[in-house]
N, C-alpha and C. Protein backbone atom coordinates (compact mmCIF):
# COMPACT_ATOMS: atom_id res chain seq x y z
N MET A 1 -41.14 40.74 15.07
CA MET A 1 -40.58 41.83 14.31
C MET A 1 -39.19 42.00 14.96
N PHE A 2 -39.13 41.95 16.15
CA PHE A 2 -37.38 41.46 16.58
C PHE A 2 -36.95 40.25 16.16
N ARG A 3 -37.06 39.61 15.79
CA ARG A 3 -36.60 38.25 15.49
C ARG A 3 -36.33 38.40 13.86
N ARG A 4 -37.48 39.14 12.86
CA ARG A 4 -36.61 39.40 11.53
C ARG A 4 -35.34 40.19 11.30
N THR A 5 -35.27 41.10 12.53
CA THR A 5 -34.49 42.23 12.72
C THR A 5 -33.52 41.56 12.89
N PHE A 6 -33.01 40.81 14.26
CA PHE A 6 -32.14 40.00 14.39
C PHE A 6 -31.31 39.45 12.86
N TRP A 7 -31.97 38.30 12.59
CA TRP A 7 -31.80 37.44 11.31
C TRP A 7 -31.37 38.39 10.43
N PHE A 8 -32.32 39.38 10.37
CA PHE A 8 -31.19 40.21 8.44
C PHE A 8 -30.70 40.91 9.05
N THR A 9 -30.21 41.82 10.12
CA THR A 9 -29.01 41.56 10.98
C THR A 9 -28.03 40.60 10.77
N ALA A 10 -28.18 39.74 11.07
CA ALA A 10 -27.35 38.36 11.23
C ALA A 10 -27.01 38.11 9.89
N GLY A 11 -27.57 37.87 8.93
CA GLY A 11 -27.35 37.48 7.62
C GLY A 11 -26.57 39.10 6.84
N ALA A 12 -26.50 39.94 6.95
CA ALA A 12 -25.97 41.13 6.61
C ALA A 12 -24.62 41.21 7.20
N ALA A 13 -24.39 40.85 8.16
CA ALA A 13 -23.11 41.27 8.87
C ALA A 13 -22.33 39.65 8.37
N ALA A 14 -23.00 38.49 8.36
CA ALA A 14 -21.95 37.72 7.56
C ALA A 14 -21.95 38.12 6.40
N GLY A 15 -22.57 38.31 5.77
CA GLY A 15 -22.18 38.74 4.16
C GLY A 15 -21.23 39.74 4.14
N VAL A 16 -21.21 40.84 4.99
CA VAL A 16 -20.24 41.54 4.95
C VAL A 16 -18.70 40.85 5.71
N TRP A 17 -18.72 40.47 6.11
CA TRP A 17 -17.78 39.50 7.25
C TRP A 17 -17.14 38.34 5.79
N ALA A 18 -17.70 37.73 5.09
CA ALA A 18 -17.60 36.38 3.72
C ALA A 18 -17.19 37.46 2.92
N THR A 19 -17.97 38.74 2.32
CA THR A 19 -17.07 39.04 1.53
C THR A 19 -15.66 39.60 1.79
N ALA A 20 -15.56 40.67 2.54
CA ALA A 20 -14.17 40.70 3.28
C ALA A 20 -13.52 40.08 2.92
N LYS A 21 -13.53 38.35 3.72
CA LYS A 21 -12.46 37.98 3.57
C LYS A 21 -12.30 37.12 2.44
N VAL A 22 -12.94 37.01 1.65
CA VAL A 22 -12.71 36.48 0.09
C VAL A 22 -12.34 37.74 -0.63
N ASN A 23 -12.09 39.01 -0.26
CA ASN A 23 -11.77 39.77 -0.80
C ASN A 23 -10.13 40.10 -0.35
N ARG A 24 -9.71 39.70 0.92
CA ARG A 24 -8.26 39.81 1.25
C ARG A 24 -7.68 38.66 0.91
N LYS A 25 -8.81 36.98 0.46
CA LYS A 25 -7.86 36.05 -0.13
C LYS A 25 -7.81 36.57 -2.02
N LEU A 26 -8.24 36.75 -2.20
CA LEU A 26 -8.60 37.30 -3.77
C LEU A 26 -6.87 38.27 -3.53
N LYS A 27 -6.42 39.11 -2.84
CA LYS A 27 -5.53 39.95 -2.96
C LYS A 27 -4.64 38.97 -2.60
N GLN A 28 -4.27 38.23 -1.98
CA GLN A 28 -2.92 37.47 -2.11
C GLN A 28 -2.59 36.70 -3.17
N LEU A 29 -4.04 36.11 -3.27
CA LEU A 29 -3.10 35.46 -4.70
C LEU A 29 -3.38 36.23 -6.05
N THR A 30 -2.39 37.54 -5.92
CA THR A 30 -2.55 38.23 -7.14
C THR A 30 -1.10 37.66 -7.52
N PRO A 31 -0.57 38.08 -9.22
CA PRO A 31 1.03 38.11 -8.99
C PRO A 31 1.82 39.12 -8.24
N GLU A 32 1.43 40.09 -8.04
CA GLU A 32 2.60 40.89 -7.50
C GLU A 32 2.60 39.79 -5.78
N SER A 33 1.50 39.62 -5.15
CA SER A 33 1.65 39.03 -3.93
C SER A 33 2.10 37.96 -3.30
N LEU A 34 1.53 37.31 -4.96
CA LEU A 34 2.63 35.83 -4.96
C LEU A 34 4.24 35.79 -4.49
N ALA A 35 4.97 36.85 -5.66
CA ALA A 35 5.95 37.15 -5.88
C ALA A 35 6.68 37.61 -4.58
N ALA A 36 5.73 38.80 -3.95
CA ALA A 36 6.58 39.06 -2.56
C ALA A 36 6.72 38.14 -1.88
N GLN A 37 5.45 37.14 -1.23
CA GLN A 37 5.80 36.34 -0.73
C GLN A 37 6.62 35.39 -1.21
N ALA A 38 7.13 34.68 -2.27
CA ALA A 38 8.51 33.51 -2.62
C ALA A 38 9.68 34.48 -2.51
N ALA A 39 9.84 35.40 -2.49
CA ALA A 39 10.34 36.67 -2.20
C ALA A 39 11.02 36.25 -1.12
N ASP A 40 10.28 36.63 -0.11
CA ASP A 40 10.22 36.54 1.67
C ASP A 40 10.87 35.51 1.41
N LYS A 41 10.37 34.57 1.58
CA LYS A 41 10.68 32.78 1.98
C LYS A 41 11.96 33.02 1.26
N ALA A 42 12.33 32.92 -0.19
CA ALA A 42 13.47 32.82 -0.34
C ALA A 42 14.78 33.72 0.69
N ILE A 43 14.56 35.01 1.07
CA ILE A 43 15.45 35.42 2.13
C ILE A 43 15.57 34.58 3.35
N GLU A 44 14.33 34.22 3.70
CA GLU A 44 14.40 33.41 5.19
C GLU A 44 14.97 32.65 4.54
N THR A 45 14.80 31.39 3.80
CA THR A 45 15.58 30.60 3.65
C THR A 45 16.97 30.66 3.62
N GLY A 46 17.46 31.96 2.63
CA GLY A 46 19.36 31.90 2.68
C GLY A 46 19.53 32.69 4.37
N HIS A 47 18.36 32.99 4.59
CA HIS A 47 19.10 33.32 5.98
C HIS A 47 19.44 31.90 6.97
N ARG A 48 18.23 30.93 6.57
CA ARG A 48 18.60 30.26 7.31
C ARG A 48 20.42 29.13 7.59
N LEU A 49 20.28 29.31 5.98
CA LEU A 49 21.44 28.24 5.13
C LEU A 49 22.18 29.10 5.15
N LYS A 50 22.42 30.60 5.39
CA LYS A 50 23.73 31.00 5.79
C LYS A 50 23.98 30.75 7.31
N ASP A 51 22.83 30.93 8.41
CA ASP A 51 23.17 30.77 9.69
C ASP A 51 23.65 29.15 10.05
N PHE A 52 23.11 27.87 9.21
CA PHE A 52 23.47 27.06 9.21
C PHE A 52 25.09 26.66 8.56
N ALA A 53 25.10 27.93 7.84
CA ALA A 53 26.98 27.21 7.11
C ALA A 53 27.48 27.86 8.18
N LEU A 54 27.45 29.13 8.60
CA LEU A 54 28.84 29.56 10.05
C LEU A 54 28.46 28.93 11.00
N ASP A 55 27.43 28.13 11.73
CA ASP A 55 27.37 27.21 12.85
C ASP A 55 28.21 25.89 12.24
N VAL A 56 28.04 25.13 11.20
CA VAL A 56 28.92 24.10 10.82
C VAL A 56 30.38 24.45 10.70
N ARG A 57 30.77 25.32 10.46
CA ARG A 57 31.93 26.51 10.42
C ARG A 57 32.43 26.34 11.46
N GLU A 58 31.99 26.62 12.42
CA GLU A 58 32.19 27.08 14.01
C GLU A 58 32.89 25.62 14.60
N GLY A 59 31.73 24.90 14.30
CA GLY A 59 32.09 23.30 14.84
C GLY A 59 33.06 23.02 14.05
N MET A 60 33.28 23.35 13.01
CA MET A 60 34.40 22.73 12.00
C MET A 60 35.71 23.07 12.40
N VAL A 61 36.03 24.26 12.84
CA VAL A 61 36.64 24.63 13.51
C VAL A 61 37.59 24.55 15.02
N ARG A 62 36.48 24.17 15.77
CA ARG A 62 36.76 23.55 16.82
C ARG A 62 36.93 22.05 17.16
N ARG A 63 36.20 21.68 16.08
CA ARG A 63 36.61 19.86 15.99
C ARG A 63 38.28 20.17 15.77
N GLU A 64 38.90 20.94 14.81
CA GLU A 64 39.86 20.86 14.85
C GLU A 64 40.78 21.09 15.22
N ALA A 65 40.27 22.36 16.02
CA ALA A 65 41.25 22.95 17.25
C ALA A 65 41.00 21.48 18.41
N GLU A 66 40.31 21.20 18.40
CA GLU A 66 40.63 19.63 19.42
C GLU A 66 41.45 18.28 19.32
N LEU A 67 41.21 18.43 17.49
CA LEU A 67 42.03 16.97 16.88
C LEU A 67 43.53 17.64 16.77
N GLY A 68 44.01 19.22 16.87
CA GLY A 68 45.18 19.43 16.77
C GLY A 68 45.98 19.56 17.95
N GLY A 69 44.94 19.60 19.02
CA GLY A 69 45.08 19.51 20.24
C GLY A 69 45.93 18.20 21.20
N ALA A 70 45.22 17.36 19.80
CA ALA A 70 45.05 15.73 20.87
C ALA A 70 46.71 15.20 19.83
N LEU A 71 46.39 15.61 18.45
CA LEU A 71 48.22 15.45 17.53
C LEU A 71 49.19 15.81 18.31
N GLY A 72 49.04 16.92 18.92
CA GLY A 72 50.16 17.57 18.68
C GLY A 72 50.45 18.27 18.04
N LEU A 73 49.53 18.98 17.12
CA LEU A 73 49.67 19.86 15.77
C LEU A 73 49.69 21.09 16.08
N GLN A 74 49.76 21.49 17.32
CA GLN A 74 49.63 23.10 17.51
C GLN A 74 51.07 23.54 17.91
N ALA A 75 51.95 22.47 18.09
CA ALA A 75 53.31 22.38 18.30
C ALA A 75 54.58 23.24 17.46
N PRO A 76 55.22 24.45 18.14
CA PRO A 76 55.75 24.92 16.95
C PRO A 76 56.68 24.01 16.12
N VAL A 77 56.96 24.47 14.91
CA VAL A 77 57.47 24.00 13.58
C VAL A 77 58.98 24.09 13.32
N ASP A 78 59.25 23.06 13.49
CA ASP A 78 60.93 22.76 13.43
C ASP A 78 61.26 23.36 11.66
N GLN A 79 62.01 24.28 11.87
CA GLN A 79 62.27 25.42 10.17
C GLN A 79 63.61 24.36 9.84
N ASP A 80 63.92 23.16 10.26
CA ASP A 80 64.90 22.68 9.77
C ASP A 80 64.46 21.72 9.21
N LEU A 81 62.98 20.56 9.24
CA LEU A 81 61.84 19.99 8.09
C LEU A 81 62.08 20.65 6.74
N PRO A 82 61.87 20.04 5.75
CA PRO A 82 61.91 20.70 4.33
C PRO A 82 60.30 21.02 4.06
N VAL A 83 59.70 21.47 3.47
CA VAL A 83 58.59 21.65 3.34
C VAL A 83 57.78 21.17 1.90
N ARG A 84 57.11 20.17 2.25
CA ARG A 84 56.72 19.22 0.88
C ARG A 84 55.62 20.22 -0.06
N ARG A 85 55.88 20.39 -1.42
CA ARG A 85 54.91 21.57 -1.86
C ARG A 85 54.23 20.72 -2.59
N HIS A 86 53.11 21.32 -2.87
CA HIS A 86 51.60 20.27 -3.17
C HIS A 86 51.11 21.13 -4.66
N TRP A 87 51.53 20.25 -5.91
CA TRP A 87 51.84 20.79 -6.93
C TRP A 87 49.99 21.02 -8.04
N ALA A 88 49.90 20.66 -7.44
CA ALA A 88 48.50 20.89 -8.15
C ALA A 88 47.82 22.28 -7.60
N VAL A 89 48.10 22.87 -6.46
CA VAL A 89 47.64 23.76 -6.25
C VAL A 89 48.26 25.06 -7.02
N GLU A 90 49.66 25.28 -7.11
CA GLU A 90 50.33 26.33 -7.29
C GLU A 90 49.69 25.98 -9.32
N ALA A 91 50.04 27.92 -9.28
CA ALA A 91 49.68 27.83 -10.84
C ALA A 91 50.85 27.53 -11.23
N ALA A 92 52.20 27.23 -11.07
CA ALA A 92 53.63 27.29 -12.18
C ALA A 92 53.58 26.20 -12.26
N GLY A 93 53.14 25.19 -11.52
CA GLY A 93 53.45 23.48 -12.12
C GLY A 93 54.19 23.48 -11.37
N PRO A 94 54.45 21.88 -11.90
CA PRO A 94 55.82 21.09 -10.64
C PRO A 94 57.18 21.71 -11.36
N PRO A 95 57.95 21.52 -10.81
CA PRO A 95 59.04 21.94 -11.34
C PRO A 95 59.96 21.08 -12.07
N ALA A 96 60.90 20.90 -12.47
CA ALA A 96 61.22 19.84 -14.01
C ALA A 96 61.96 18.68 -13.26
N ASP A 97 62.59 19.12 -11.86
CA ASP A 97 62.95 17.52 -11.85
C ASP A 97 62.16 16.69 -10.53
N ALA A 98 60.65 17.23 -10.91
CA ALA A 98 60.13 16.17 -10.26
C ALA A 98 59.02 15.01 -10.99
N PRO A 99 58.98 14.12 -10.51
CA PRO A 99 58.75 12.57 -11.45
C PRO A 99 57.52 13.06 -11.89
N SER A 100 56.91 12.58 -13.09
CA SER A 100 55.98 12.66 -14.01
C SER A 100 55.12 11.60 -13.87
N ARG A 101 53.67 12.14 -14.00
CA ARG A 101 53.10 10.98 -13.90
C ARG A 101 52.46 10.96 -15.25
N THR A 102 52.31 9.57 -15.71
CA THR A 102 51.45 9.48 -17.05
C THR A 102 50.58 8.55 -17.35
N LEU A 103 49.28 8.51 -17.80
CA LEU A 103 48.44 8.03 -17.47
C LEU A 103 47.99 6.95 -18.67
N PRO A 104 47.75 5.66 -18.69
CA PRO A 104 47.83 4.78 -19.84
C PRO A 104 46.90 4.81 -21.19
N SER A 105 47.29 5.09 -22.25
CA SER A 105 46.32 5.96 -23.48
C SER A 105 45.42 5.04 -23.63
N ASN A 106 45.43 3.99 -23.29
CA ASN A 106 44.57 2.62 -24.08
C ASN A 106 44.19 1.84 -22.71
N SER A 107 42.63 1.42 -22.14
CA SER A 107 42.96 0.89 -21.81
C SER A 107 41.75 0.00 -21.79
N ASN A 108 42.04 -1.42 -21.29
CA ASN A 108 41.02 -2.51 -21.77
C ASN A 108 39.59 -2.41 -21.20
N ASN A 109 39.52 -1.80 -20.01
CA ASN A 109 38.42 -2.30 -19.07
C ASN A 109 36.67 -1.21 -20.07
N ARG A 110 35.89 -2.00 -20.52
CA ARG A 110 34.85 -1.85 -20.79
C ARG A 110 34.16 -1.13 -20.28
N ASN A 111 33.96 -1.23 -18.88
CA ASN A 111 33.41 -0.37 -18.20
C ASN A 111 33.33 0.85 -17.62
N GLU A 112 34.99 1.55 -18.35
CA GLU A 112 35.08 2.95 -18.16
C GLU A 112 34.00 4.12 -18.77
N ASP A 113 32.85 3.77 -19.18
CA ASP A 113 31.82 4.55 -20.03
C ASP A 113 30.70 5.03 -19.15
N HIS A 114 30.39 3.78 -18.21
CA HIS A 114 30.01 4.07 -17.16
C HIS A 114 29.98 4.73 -15.79
C-alpha cells in the first residue's frame, strides 16, 4: 500500500514539474519574449563594441604620444615656417594659383571596369 502511494506521489510530482518546465519554455518562445531577448543582446553587444572602441582610441592616443615623443613632434612649432594647406579638406577649394591636376579622359586600360 505504501509503495503504491509513494509511486503515485512521485509520478504526480514529476508531472507537475514537467508541466511547469514546459510552460516556462513556451513563455520564453513567445514573439514578445524573443524580441525582448534580442533587444537585450543587441544592447549588450552595443556596450561591448563601445568599450572596445574606447579601448582602441585610448591605445591609439597612447601610441601616438609615444611616437610623437620619439620623433620629437612634441617640440614647439617654429612660427616662421610656412603652413601647408590641405585643399581636399577645406570647403572653399584650392586657391587660383595652385597647380591643377587633370585626369586622362580616355584610358586604354581594359581592366578598369574590374
